[in-house]
Amino acid sequence: MSCPICGKAVGEEAAKYRPFCSKRCADIDLGRWLNEDYRVKGDDDEAEPRRPN
């Protein structure tokens, strides 16, 4: 298995960070989620226009 961030092989010593090879790569992935670099598309996104608050 290879790390989805850097591509290095994930060894047994990094089992607690799977699917990442290290804490650094796990933190990079978390940062991308928190910055909304990743998005999960849903049906509601296209169906309803945003309403002002």
N, C-alpha and C. Protein backbone atom coordinates (compact mmCIF):
# COMPACT_ATOMS: atom_id res chain seq x y z
N MET A 1 0.84 -1.16 0.00
CA MET A 1 0.00 0.00 0.00
C MET A 1 0.90 1.23 0.00
N SER A 2 0.52 2.24 -0.76
CA SER A 2 1.31 3.46 -0.80
C SER A 2 0.51 4.63 -0.21
N CYS A 3 1.22 5.59 0.33
CA CYS A 3 0.63 6.76 0.98
C CYS A 3 -0.05 7.63 -0.09
N PRO A 4 -1.30 8.05 0.14
CA PRO A 4 -2.00 8.86 -0.86
C PRO A 4 -1.46 10.29 -0.96
N ILE A 5 -0.64 10.72 -0.01
CA ILE A 5 -0.08 12.07 -0.06
C ILE A 5 1.27 12.10 -0.77
N CYS A 6 2.22 11.25 -0.32
CA CYS A 6 3.57 11.31 -0.88
C CYS A 6 3.94 10.13 -1.77
N GLY A 7 3.15 9.05 -1.71
CA GLY A 7 3.40 7.90 -2.57
C GLY A 7 4.37 6.87 -2.00
N LYS A 8 4.96 7.14 -0.82
CA LYS A 8 5.88 6.17 -0.22
C LYS A 8 5.10 4.96 0.28
N ALA A 9 5.80 3.83 0.37
CA ALA A 9 5.18 2.61 0.88
C ALA A 9 4.85 2.78 2.36
N VAL A 10 3.70 2.26 2.75
CA VAL A 10 3.27 2.32 4.15
C VAL A 10 3.67 1.02 4.81
N GLY A 11 4.59 1.11 5.76
CA GLY A 11 5.09 -0.08 6.44
C GLY A 11 4.34 -0.34 7.73
N GLU A 12 4.68 -1.44 8.37
CA GLU A 12 4.04 -1.83 9.63
C GLU A 12 4.29 -0.80 10.73
N GLU A 13 5.45 -0.13 10.71
CA GLU A 13 5.76 0.85 11.75
C GLU A 13 4.84 2.07 11.71
N ALA A 14 4.17 2.29 10.60
CA ALA A 14 3.25 3.43 10.44
C ALA A 14 1.79 2.99 10.53
N ALA A 15 1.52 1.86 11.14
CA ALA A 15 0.17 1.31 11.18
C ALA A 15 -0.83 2.28 11.82
N LYS A 16 -0.40 3.06 12.81
CA LYS A 16 -1.36 3.96 13.47
C LYS A 16 -1.73 5.16 12.60
N TYR A 17 -1.01 5.39 11.51
CA TYR A 17 -1.32 6.50 10.61
C TYR A 17 -1.97 6.06 9.31
N ARG A 18 -2.25 4.77 9.14
CA ARG A 18 -2.81 4.27 7.90
C ARG A 18 -4.02 5.06 7.48
N PRO A 19 -4.19 5.37 6.24
CA PRO A 19 -3.46 4.89 5.07
C PRO A 19 -2.21 5.72 4.75
N PHE A 20 -1.79 6.58 5.68
CA PHE A 20 -0.64 7.44 5.45
C PHE A 20 0.63 6.81 5.99
N CYS A 21 1.78 7.29 5.52
CA CYS A 21 3.05 6.71 5.94
C CYS A 21 3.59 7.36 7.20
N SER A 22 3.06 8.52 7.57
CA SER A 22 3.57 9.23 8.74
C SER A 22 2.54 10.21 9.27
N LYS A 23 2.83 10.76 10.45
CA LYS A 23 1.97 11.78 11.03
C LYS A 23 1.95 13.02 10.14
N ARG A 24 3.10 13.34 9.55
CA ARG A 24 3.19 14.50 8.66
C ARG A 24 2.19 14.40 7.52
N CYS A 25 2.15 13.26 6.85
CA CYS A 25 1.22 13.09 5.72
C CYS A 25 -0.23 13.08 6.20
N ALA A 26 -0.49 12.50 7.38
CA ALA A 26 -1.83 12.52 7.93
C ALA A 26 -2.26 13.95 8.23
N ASP A 27 -1.34 14.76 8.76
CA ASP A 27 -1.65 16.17 9.06
C ASP A 27 -1.87 16.98 7.79
N ILE A 28 -1.12 16.68 6.75
CA ILE A 28 -1.33 17.37 5.47
C ILE A 28 -2.73 17.09 4.96
N ASP A 29 -3.16 15.83 5.03
CA ASP A 29 -4.50 15.46 4.58
C ASP A 29 -5.57 16.15 5.41
N LEU A 30 -5.40 16.18 6.73
CA LEU A 30 -6.35 16.86 7.61
C LEU A 30 -6.44 18.34 7.25
N GLY A 31 -5.30 18.96 7.02
CA GLY A 31 -5.29 20.37 6.63
C GLY A 31 -6.05 20.62 5.33
N ARG A 32 -5.93 19.72 4.40
CA ARG A 32 -6.66 19.86 3.13
C ARG A 32 -8.17 19.79 3.36
N TRP A 33 -8.61 18.89 4.26
CA TRP A 33 -10.04 18.81 4.59
C TRP A 33 -10.49 20.09 5.27
N LEU A 34 -9.70 20.58 6.23
CA LEU A 34 -10.08 21.78 6.97
C LEU A 34 -10.10 23.03 6.10
N ASN A 35 -9.25 23.07 5.08
CA ASN A 35 -9.23 24.19 4.13
C ASN A 35 -10.27 24.04 3.02
N GLU A 36 -11.04 22.95 3.10
CA GLU A 36 -12.07 22.63 2.11
C GLU A 36 -11.50 22.42 0.72
N ASP A 37 -10.25 21.89 0.66
CA ASP A 37 -9.67 21.53 -0.63
C ASP A 37 -10.34 20.28 -1.20
N TYR A 38 -10.84 19.43 -0.30
CA TYR A 38 -11.60 18.25 -0.70
C TYR A 38 -13.07 18.57 -0.48
N ARG A 39 -13.92 18.10 -1.38
CA ARG A 39 -15.35 18.30 -1.21
C ARG A 39 -16.08 17.04 -1.63
N VAL A 40 -17.14 16.76 -0.94
CA VAL A 40 -17.99 15.63 -1.27
C VAL A 40 -19.23 16.20 -1.92
N LYS A 41 -19.44 15.86 -3.18
CA LYS A 41 -20.58 16.39 -3.92
C LYS A 41 -21.84 15.66 -3.48
N GLY A 42 -22.89 16.43 -3.29
CA GLY A 42 -24.16 15.84 -2.89
C GLY A 42 -25.28 16.34 -3.80
N ASP A 43 -26.41 15.65 -3.77
CA ASP A 43 -27.55 16.04 -4.59
C ASP A 43 -28.11 17.40 -4.19
N ASP A 44 -28.08 17.73 -2.91
CA ASP A 44 -28.63 18.98 -2.43
C ASP A 44 -27.86 20.19 -2.93
N ASP A 45 -26.59 20.02 -3.25
CA ASP A 45 -25.78 21.15 -3.70
C ASP A 45 -26.33 21.80 -4.97
N GLU A 46 -26.86 21.02 -5.86
CA GLU A 46 -27.35 21.55 -7.12
C GLU A 46 -28.85 21.86 -7.10
N ALA A 47 -29.60 21.19 -6.25
CA ALA A 47 -31.05 21.31 -6.27
C ALA A 47 -31.57 22.59 -5.64
N GLU A 48 -30.96 23.06 -4.57
CA GLU A 48 -31.48 24.21 -3.84
C GLU A 48 -30.49 25.36 -3.91
N PRO A 49 -30.97 26.54 -4.35
CA PRO A 49 -30.08 27.70 -4.30
C PRO A 49 -29.88 28.14 -2.85
N ARG A 50 -28.78 28.78 -2.58
CA ARG A 50 -28.51 29.25 -1.21
C ARG A 50 -29.44 30.39 -0.87
N ARG A 51 -29.93 30.35 0.35
CA ARG A 51 -30.79 31.43 0.84
C ARG A 51 -29.97 32.37 1.70
N PRO A 52 -30.17 33.68 1.55
CA PRO A 52 -29.44 34.63 2.41
C PRO A 52 -29.88 34.49 3.86
N ASN A 53 -28.97 34.74 4.78
CA ASN A 53 -29.30 34.64 6.21
C ASN A 53 -30.07 35.82 6.70
